[in-house]
């Protein structure tokens, strides 16, 4: 299964462009606004969490909880 999209933040510039175009902005205005938003998102991308990041954190957290549960059972048993 291809999961390359897991490492990409979700950002749909085409949807933004469509929304701006339906608001009667000129194509030049749509391009300028979309480019500005895309550049801002790329600049902040290092701080965004991807689906893969969340998945890895969930796996780690699950492993820690299982390990803690086993340790408690051993102490009680």
Protein backbone atom coordinates (compact mmCIF):
# COMPACT_ATOMS: atom_id res chain seq x y z
CA UNK A 1 0.00 0.00 0.00
CA UNK A 2 1.36 3.42 -0.95
CA UNK A 3 1.56 5.59 2.15
CA UNK A 4 3.75 8.38 0.80
CA UNK A 5 0.88 10.79 1.45
CA UNK A 6 1.31 10.10 5.20
CA UNK A 7 4.40 12.28 5.24
CA UNK A 8 2.78 15.23 3.50
CA UNK A 9 0.74 17.84 5.34
CA UNK A 10 -2.75 18.22 3.96
CA UNK A 11 -3.04 21.44 1.99
CA UNK A 12 -5.27 21.80 -1.07
CA UNK A 13 -4.25 24.89 -3.05
CA UNK A 14 -6.65 23.93 -5.83
CA UNK A 15 -9.62 24.14 -3.46
CA UNK A 16 -8.45 27.57 -2.31
CA UNK A 17 -8.08 28.74 -5.90
CA UNK A 18 -11.60 27.51 -6.75
CA UNK A 19 -13.07 29.28 -3.73
CA UNK A 20 -11.31 32.53 -4.60
CA UNK A 21 -12.36 32.31 -8.25
CA UNK A 22 -16.01 31.88 -7.26
CA UNK A 23 -15.64 35.06 -5.18
CA UNK A 24 -15.07 36.95 -8.44
CA UNK A 25 -11.37 37.56 -7.95
CA UNK A 26 -9.24 37.91 -11.08
CA UNK A 27 -6.96 35.03 -12.06
CA UNK A 28 -3.95 37.16 -11.08
CA UNK A 29 -5.44 37.79 -7.63
CA UNK A 30 -6.24 34.10 -7.20
CA UNK A 31 -2.66 33.14 -8.16
CA UNK A 32 -1.12 35.73 -5.85
CA UNK A 33 -3.21 34.74 -2.84
CA UNK A 34 -2.77 31.01 -3.44
CA UNK A 35 1.01 31.42 -3.83
CA UNK A 36 1.21 33.49 -0.64
CA UNK A 37 -0.76 30.91 1.35
CA UNK A 38 1.31 28.04 -0.09
CA UNK A 39 4.58 29.79 0.77
CA UNK A 40 3.38 30.49 4.30
CA UNK A 41 2.38 26.85 4.74
CA UNK A 42 5.75 25.64 3.42
CA UNK A 43 7.55 28.00 5.79
CA UNK A 44 5.59 26.64 8.74
CA UNK A 45 5.70 23.06 7.46
CA UNK A 46 8.53 22.13 9.81
CA UNK A 47 6.15 22.67 12.73
CA UNK A 48 3.25 20.72 11.26
CA UNK A 49 2.52 17.18 12.35
CA UNK A 50 1.94 14.66 9.57
CA UNK A 51 -0.27 11.59 9.73
CA UNK A 52 2.90 9.48 9.91
CA UNK A 53 4.09 11.47 12.95
CA UNK A 54 0.77 10.88 14.69
CA UNK A 55 0.80 7.19 13.81
CA UNK A 56 4.34 6.72 15.17
CA UNK A 57 3.45 8.58 18.37
CA UNK A 58 0.35 6.43 18.83
CA UNK A 59 2.38 3.24 18.35
CA UNK A 60 4.97 4.42 20.86
CA UNK A 61 2.32 5.42 23.38
CA UNK A 62 0.55 2.07 22.98
CA UNK A 63 3.81 0.20 23.55
CA UNK A 64 4.56 2.22 26.68
CA UNK A 65 1.07 1.57 28.07
CA UNK A 66 1.29 -2.15 27.35
CA UNK A 67 4.73 -2.32 28.99
CA UNK A 68 3.48 -0.44 32.04
CA UNK A 69 0.49 -2.76 32.30
CA UNK A 70 2.71 -5.82 32.17
CA UNK A 71 5.00 -4.34 34.83
CA UNK A 72 2.03 -3.69 37.14
CA UNK A 73 0.73 -7.22 36.62
CA UNK A 74 4.12 -8.66 37.51
CA UNK A 75 4.28 -6.56 40.67
CA UNK A 76 0.80 -7.68 41.72
CA UNK A 77 1.22 -11.28 40.69
